[in-house]
Amino acid sequence: MKQNTIWATLAAGALAMTGCSSVKTDVDKGPIHARTFSFPQPRPAPPSASFEPNRFGYLHTMVQDAITQNLAARGITKVPAGGGDVTVAYLLIVGNNAATASLDDYFGYGPDGSKLQEKVHAAQATGKNREYFEQGTIFIDFVDPRESKLVKRASVQRPVLRNVTPEVRSERIREAVDEALRDVRIQP
């Protein structure tokens, strides 16, 4: 797997984002009861000499801004990590016909991230599409922080666009987040 190529695609493309199939991709335990939310503490940087700190920080900023705007429009306010009525975690996955990579800094711990990446890869790389493609997927989880239980998982998948302006990239991410969260029911 060409990890550097895939990460370059993630960095260069406008995040474009469907859900996939062992780990649950469709979790809905009713409406989300919350007035506040927070993102989880980010994962610490891996101990690697070649790792560039905050290399994809701009993507996190764009995704978090889009989620924050969407939830604010529904009456849910962002608070510092660990302080919300609900924790909103997200996983970014990008792939093509041969390789898939994920950006899981704000997804939390546990096996779900790698299992979701495997499912996306299996669905994309083993599909009937023989043409070259690049797809981006975002999974957005709502977690009850008191019980550490997943109450809702939303996702969307879209083609990745290359060589776009930061404004276009930001707009595409906002559109993808809005689409993923469209059917999320929220009750204060």
C-alpha atoms as a PDB file:
ATOM      1  CA  MET A   1       0.000   0.000   0.000  1.00  0.00           C
ATOM      2  CA  LYS A   2       1.403   3.355  -0.948  1.00  0.00           C
ATOM      3  CA  GLN A   3       0.687   5.257   2.255  1.00  0.00           C
ATOM      4  CA  ASN A   4       2.445   8.463   1.166  1.00  0.00           C
ATOM      5  CA  THR A   5       0.487   8.594  -2.090  1.00  0.00           C
ATOM      6  CA  ILE A   6      -2.801   8.085  -0.300  1.00  0.00           C
ATOM      7  CA  TRP A   7      -1.986  10.797   2.268  1.00  0.00           C
ATOM      8  CA  ALA A   8      -0.990  13.146  -0.526  1.00  0.00           C
ATOM      9  CA  THR A   9      -4.363  12.452  -2.106  1.00  0.00           C
ATOM     10  CA  LEU A  10      -6.098  13.188   1.185  1.00  0.00           C
ATOM     11  CA  ALA A  11      -4.188  16.417   1.604  1.00  0.00           C
ATOM     12  CA  ALA A  12      -4.605  17.538  -2.001  1.00  0.00           C
ATOM     13  CA  GLY A  13      -8.215  16.530  -2.496  1.00  0.00           C
ATOM     14  CA  ALA A  14     -11.358  18.156  -1.355  1.00  0.00           C
ATOM     15  CA  LEU A  15     -12.714  15.763   1.163  1.00  0.00           C
ATOM     16  CA  ALA A  16     -15.483  14.042  -0.511  1.00  0.00           C
ATOM     17  CA  MET A  17     -17.354  11.405   1.455  1.00  0.00           C
ATOM     18  CA  THR A  18     -21.564   6.053   1.949  1.00  0.00           C
ATOM     19  CA  GLY A  19     -21.476   4.002   4.566  1.00  0.00           C
ATOM     20  CA  CYS A  20     -20.065   0.485   4.237  1.00  0.00           C
ATOM     21  CA  SER A  21     -20.607  -3.347   6.221  1.00  0.00           C
ATOM     22  CA  SER A  22     -18.416  -6.707  11.161  1.00  0.00           C
ATOM     23  CA  VAL A  23     -18.421  -3.168  12.656  1.00  0.00           C
ATOM     24  CA  LYS A  24     -21.789  -1.442  12.628  1.00  0.00           C
ATOM     25  CA  THR A  25     -21.984   1.333  10.112  1.00  0.00           C
ATOM     26  CA  ASP A  26     -25.593   2.228  10.869  1.00  0.00           C
ATOM     27  CA  VAL A  27     -26.223   2.903  14.537  1.00  0.00           C
ATOM     28  CA  ASP A  28     -29.289   4.877  15.609  1.00  0.00           C
ATOM     29  CA  LYS A  29     -30.578   4.660  19.152  1.00  0.00           C
ATOM     30  CA  GLY A  30     -33.163   7.388  18.744  1.00  0.00           C
ATOM     31  CA  PRO A  31     -32.835  11.140  19.030  1.00  0.00           C
ATOM     32  CA  ILE A  32     -29.748  12.672  20.556  1.00  0.00           C
ATOM     33  CA  HIS A  33     -30.539  14.528  23.778  1.00  0.00           C
ATOM     34  CA  ALA A  34     -27.964  17.266  24.097  1.00  0.00           C
ATOM     35  CA  ARG A  35     -27.482  21.003  24.440  1.00  0.00           C
ATOM     36  CA  THR A  36     -23.683  20.847  24.247  1.00  0.00           C
ATOM     37  CA  PHE A  37     -21.094  18.748  22.484  1.00  0.00           C
ATOM     38  CA  SER A  38     -17.340  18.399  22.416  1.00  0.00           C
ATOM     39  CA  PHE A  39     -14.797  16.712  20.223  1.00  0.00           C
ATOM     40  CA  PRO A  40     -12.572  14.076  21.843  1.00  0.00           C
ATOM     41  CA  GLN A  41      -9.010  14.899  22.769  1.00  0.00           C
ATOM     42  CA  PRO A  42      -6.920  14.248  19.655  1.00  0.00           C
ATOM     43  CA  ARG A  43      -4.707  11.215  19.496  1.00  0.00           C
ATOM     44  CA  PRO A  44      -1.075  11.948  20.256  1.00  0.00           C
ATOM     45  CA  ALA A  45       1.282  12.101  17.294  1.00  0.00           C
ATOM     46  CA  PRO A  46       2.930   8.772  16.453  1.00  0.00           C
ATOM     47  CA  PRO A  47       6.604   8.495  17.410  1.00  0.00           C
ATOM     48  CA  SER A  48       8.014   8.699  13.904  1.00  0.00           C
ATOM     49  CA  ALA A  49      10.903  10.766  12.622  1.00  0.00           C
ATOM     50  CA  SER A  50       9.121  11.306   9.317  1.00  0.00           C
ATOM     51  CA  PHE A  51       5.858  12.502  10.891  1.00  0.00           C
ATOM     52  CA  GLU A  52       5.074  16.147  10.361  1.00  0.00           C
ATOM     53  CA  PRO A  53       3.207  17.558  13.389  1.00  0.00           C
ATOM     54  CA  ASN A  54      -0.264  18.875  12.541  1.00  0.00           C
ATOM     55  CA  ARG A  55       0.257  17.915   8.899  1.00  0.00           C
ATOM     56  CA  PHE A  56      -3.484  17.644   8.345  1.00  0.00           C
ATOM     57  CA  GLY A  57      -4.563  20.251  10.871  1.00  0.00           C
ATOM     58  CA  TYR A  58      -6.294  22.293   8.191  1.00  0.00           C
ATOM     59  CA  LEU A  59      -8.563  19.312   7.373  1.00  0.00           C
ATOM     60  CA  HIS A  60      -9.453  18.896  11.039  1.00  0.00           C
ATOM     61  CA  THR A  61     -10.241  22.594  11.253  1.00  0.00           C
ATOM     62  CA  MET A  62     -12.504  22.414   8.199  1.00  0.00           C
ATOM     63  CA  VAL A  63     -14.320  19.284   9.416  1.00  0.00           C
ATOM     64  CA  GLN A  64     -14.755  20.598  12.955  1.00  0.00           C
ATOM     65  CA  ASP A  65     -15.988  23.975  11.699  1.00  0.00           C
ATOM     66  CA  ALA A  66     -18.553  22.229   9.469  1.00  0.00           C
ATOM     67  CA  ILE A  67     -19.778  19.979  12.306  1.00  0.00           C
ATOM     68  CA  THR A  68     -19.876  22.910  14.740  1.00  0.00           C
ATOM     69  CA  GLN A  69     -21.904  25.061  12.317  1.00  0.00           C
ATOM     70  CA  ASN A  70     -24.341  22.240  11.581  1.00  0.00           C
ATOM     71  CA  LEU A  71     -24.959  21.476  15.251  1.00  0.00           C
ATOM     72  CA  ALA A  72     -25.098  25.159  16.254  1.00  0.00           C
ATOM     73  CA  ALA A  73     -27.922  25.631  13.749  1.00  0.00           C
ATOM     74  CA  ARG A  74     -29.769  22.900  15.697  1.00  0.00           C
ATOM     75  CA  GLY A  75     -29.153  24.535  19.081  1.00  0.00           C
ATOM     76  CA  ILE A  76     -26.167  22.474  20.251  1.00  0.00           C
ATOM     77  CA  THR A  77     -23.181  24.481  21.478  1.00  0.00           C
ATOM     78  CA  LYS A  78     -19.557  23.362  21.269  1.00  0.00           C
ATOM     79  CA  VAL A  79     -17.664  23.209  24.571  1.00  0.00           C
ATOM     80  CA  PRO A  80     -14.076  22.162  25.395  1.00  0.00           C
ATOM     81  CA  ALA A  81     -13.116  18.487  25.073  1.00  0.00           C
ATOM     82  CA  GLY A  82     -14.677  16.253  27.689  1.00  0.00           C
ATOM     83  CA  GLY A  83     -17.347  18.743  28.696  1.00  0.00           C
ATOM     84  CA  GLY A  84     -20.260  18.131  26.340  1.00  0.00           C
ATOM     85  CA  ASP A  85     -23.543  16.316  26.834  1.00  0.00           C
ATOM     86  CA  VAL A  86     -22.401  14.292  23.830  1.00  0.00           C
ATOM     87  CA  THR A  87     -18.995  13.646  22.289  1.00  0.00           C
ATOM     88  CA  VAL A  88     -18.769  13.983  18.509  1.00  0.00           C
ATOM     89  CA  ALA A  89     -15.970  11.881  17.036  1.00  0.00           C
ATOM     90  CA  TYR A  90     -15.128  11.599  13.356  1.00  0.00           C
ATOM     91  CA  LEU A  91     -13.049   9.420  11.066  1.00  0.00           C
ATOM     92  CA  LEU A  92     -11.809  10.456   7.616  1.00  0.00           C
ATOM     93  CA  ILE A  93     -11.024   7.698   5.101  1.00  0.00           C
ATOM     94  CA  VAL A  94      -9.690   8.159   1.593  1.00  0.00           C
ATOM     95  CA  GLY A  95      -9.060   5.433  -0.919  1.00  0.00           C
ATOM     96  CA  ASN A  96      -8.673   4.448  -4.525  1.00  0.00           C
ATOM     97  CA  ASN A  97      -8.646   1.159  -6.437  1.00  0.00           C
ATOM     98  CA  ALA A  98      -5.556  -0.097  -4.609  1.00  0.00           C
ATOM     99  CA  ALA A  99      -5.152   1.537  -1.194  1.00  0.00           C
ATOM    100  CA  THR A 100      -7.096   3.077   1.644  1.00  0.00           C
ATOM    101  CA  ALA A 101      -5.879   5.275   4.504  1.00  0.00           C
ATOM    102  CA  SER A 102      -7.581   6.932   7.447  1.00  0.00           C
ATOM    103  CA  LEU A 103      -7.128  10.005   9.572  1.00  0.00           C
ATOM    104  CA  ASP A 104      -8.409   9.041  13.010  1.00  0.00           C
ATOM    105  CA  ASP A 105      -6.953  11.706  15.330  1.00  0.00           C
ATOM    106  CA  TYR A 106     -10.445  12.669  16.576  1.00  0.00           C
ATOM    107  CA  PHE A 107     -12.117   9.260  16.444  1.00  0.00           C
ATOM    108  CA  GLY A 108     -11.042   7.906  19.804  1.00  0.00           C
ATOM    109  CA  TYR A 109      -9.598   4.546  20.714  1.00  0.00           C
ATOM    110  CA  GLY A 110     -10.752   1.037  20.021  1.00  0.00           C
ATOM    111  CA  PRO A 111     -10.983  -1.196  16.961  1.00  0.00           C
ATOM    112  CA  ASP A 112     -13.826   0.593  15.156  1.00  0.00           C
ATOM    113  CA  GLY A 113     -11.570   2.926  13.160  1.00  0.00           C
ATOM    114  CA  SER A 114      -9.453   0.209  11.609  1.00  0.00           C
ATOM    115  CA  LYS A 115     -12.489  -2.018  11.030  1.00  0.00           C
ATOM    116  CA  LEU A 116     -14.326   0.791   9.264  1.00  0.00           C
ATOM    117  CA  GLN A 117     -11.254   1.451   7.124  1.00  0.00           C
ATOM    118  CA  GLU A 118     -11.101  -2.240   6.183  1.00  0.00           C
ATOM    119  CA  LYS A 119     -14.804  -2.246   5.268  1.00  0.00           C
ATOM    120  CA  VAL A 120     -14.451   0.845   3.103  1.00  0.00           C
ATOM    121  CA  HIS A 121     -11.414  -0.653   1.368  1.00  0.00           C
ATOM    122  CA  ALA A 122     -13.173  -3.971   0.760  1.00  0.00           C
ATOM    123  CA  ALA A 123     -16.222  -2.208  -0.658  1.00  0.00           C
ATOM    124  CA  GLN A 124     -14.177   0.070  -2.908  1.00  0.00           C
ATOM    125  CA  ALA A 125     -11.196  -1.984  -4.035  1.00  0.00           C
ATOM    126  CA  THR A 126     -13.091  -5.215  -4.642  1.00  0.00           C
ATOM    127  CA  GLY A 127     -16.004  -3.570  -6.419  1.00  0.00           C
ATOM    128  CA  LYS A 128     -16.827  -3.896 -10.078  1.00  0.00           C
ATOM    129  CA  ASN A 129     -15.455  -0.437 -10.913  1.00  0.00           C
ATOM    130  CA  ARG A 130     -12.415  -0.979 -13.117  1.00  0.00           C
ATOM    131  CA  GLU A 131     -11.898   2.732 -13.732  1.00  0.00           C
ATOM    132  CA  TYR A 132      -9.529   4.663 -11.484  1.00  0.00           C
ATOM    133  CA  PHE A 133     -11.303   6.485  -8.678  1.00  0.00           C
ATOM    134  CA  GLU A 134     -10.575   8.317  -5.447  1.00  0.00           C
ATOM    135  CA  GLN A 135     -13.257   8.380  -2.758  1.00  0.00           C
ATOM    136  CA  GLY A 136     -13.405  10.113   0.576  1.00  0.00           C
ATOM    137  CA  THR A 137     -15.587   8.897   3.447  1.00  0.00           C
ATOM    138  CA  ILE A 138     -16.409  10.578   6.717  1.00  0.00           C
ATOM    139  CA  PHE A 139     -17.945   8.765   9.682  1.00  0.00           C
ATOM    140  CA  ILE A 140     -19.374  10.977  12.421  1.00  0.00           C
ATOM    141  CA  ASP A 141     -20.147   9.298  15.746  1.00  0.00           C
ATOM    142  CA  PHE A 142     -22.228  10.656  18.609  1.00  0.00           C
ATOM    143  CA  VAL A 143     -21.104   9.083  21.874  1.00  0.00           C
ATOM    144  CA  ASP A 144     -22.723   9.321  25.305  1.00  0.00           C
ATOM    145  CA  PRO A 145     -19.661  10.327  27.382  1.00  0.00           C
ATOM    146  CA  ARG A 146     -21.189   9.129  30.684  1.00  0.00           C
ATOM    147  CA  GLU A 147     -21.395   5.545  29.445  1.00  0.00           C
ATOM    148  CA  SER A 148     -18.948   5.649  26.512  1.00  0.00           C
ATOM    149  CA  LYS A 149     -21.698   4.249  24.291  1.00  0.00           C
ATOM    150  CA  LEU A 150     -22.203   4.976  20.637  1.00  0.00           C
ATOM    151  CA  VAL A 151     -25.708   6.380  20.081  1.00  0.00           C
ATOM    152  CA  LYS A 152     -25.519   7.445  16.428  1.00  0.00           C
ATOM    153  CA  ARG A 153     -23.160   6.899  13.508  1.00  0.00           C
ATOM    154  CA  ALA A 154     -23.607   8.954  10.376  1.00  0.00           C
ATOM    155  CA  SER A 155     -21.545   8.737   7.205  1.00  0.00           C
ATOM    156  CA  VAL A 156     -21.267   9.917   3.658  1.00  0.00           C
ATOM    157  CA  GLN A 157     -18.930   9.171   0.768  1.00  0.00           C
ATOM    158  CA  ARG A 158     -18.014  11.304  -2.214  1.00  0.00           C
ATOM    159  CA  PRO A 159     -15.386  11.539  -4.936  1.00  0.00           C
ATOM    160  CA  VAL A 160     -12.194  13.319  -3.967  1.00  0.00           C
ATOM    161  CA  LEU A 161     -11.412  16.432  -5.976  1.00  0.00           C
ATOM    162  CA  ARG A 162      -7.792  17.368  -6.572  1.00  0.00           C
ATOM    163  CA  ASN A 163      -6.194  20.772  -6.931  1.00  0.00           C
ATOM    164  CA  VAL A 164      -9.037  22.868  -5.580  1.00  0.00           C
ATOM    165  CA  THR A 165      -8.842  26.100  -3.637  1.00  0.00           C
ATOM    166  CA  PRO A 166      -9.126  26.021   0.159  1.00  0.00           C
ATOM    167  CA  GLU A 167     -12.517  27.734  -0.193  1.00  0.00           C
ATOM    168  CA  VAL A 168     -13.839  25.008  -2.493  1.00  0.00           C
ATOM    169  CA  ARG A 169     -12.372  22.293  -0.244  1.00  0.00           C
ATOM    170  CA  SER A 170     -14.027  23.863   2.809  1.00  0.00           C
ATOM    171  CA  GLU A 171     -17.380  24.136   1.021  1.00  0.00           C
ATOM    172  CA  ARG A 172     -17.220  20.492  -0.127  1.00  0.00           C
ATOM    173  CA  ILE A 173     -16.488  19.369   3.425  1.00  0.00           C
ATOM    174  CA  ARG A 174     -19.367  21.478   4.776  1.00  0.00           C
ATOM    175  CA  GLU A 175     -21.734  19.969   2.174  1.00  0.00           C
ATOM    176  CA  ALA A 176     -20.576  16.433   3.040  1.00  0.00           C
ATOM    177  CA  VAL A 177     -21.001  17.004   6.789  1.00  0.00           C
ATOM    178  CA  ASP A 178     -24.452  18.514   6.247  1.00  0.00           C
ATOM    179  CA  GLU A 179     -25.447  15.508   4.142  1.00  0.00           C
ATOM    180  CA  ALA A 180     -24.125  13.039   6.722  1.00  0.00           C
ATOM    181  CA  LEU A 181     -25.961  14.792   9.560  1.00  0.00           C
ATOM    182  CA  ARG A 182     -29.183  15.482   7.637  1.00  0.00           C
ATOM    183  CA  ASP A 183     -31.143  12.653   9.271  1.00  0.00           C
ATOM    184  CA  VAL A 184     -29.632  12.970  12.752  1.00  0.00           C
ATOM    185  CA  ARG A 185     -32.485  13.711  15.166  1.00  0.00           C
ATOM    186  CA  ILE A 186     -31.649  16.069  18.014  1.00  0.00           C
ATOM    187  CA  GLN A 187     -33.749  16.953  21.054  1.00  0.00           C
ATOM    188  CA  PRO A 188     -32.464  19.402  23.671  1.00  0.00           C
END
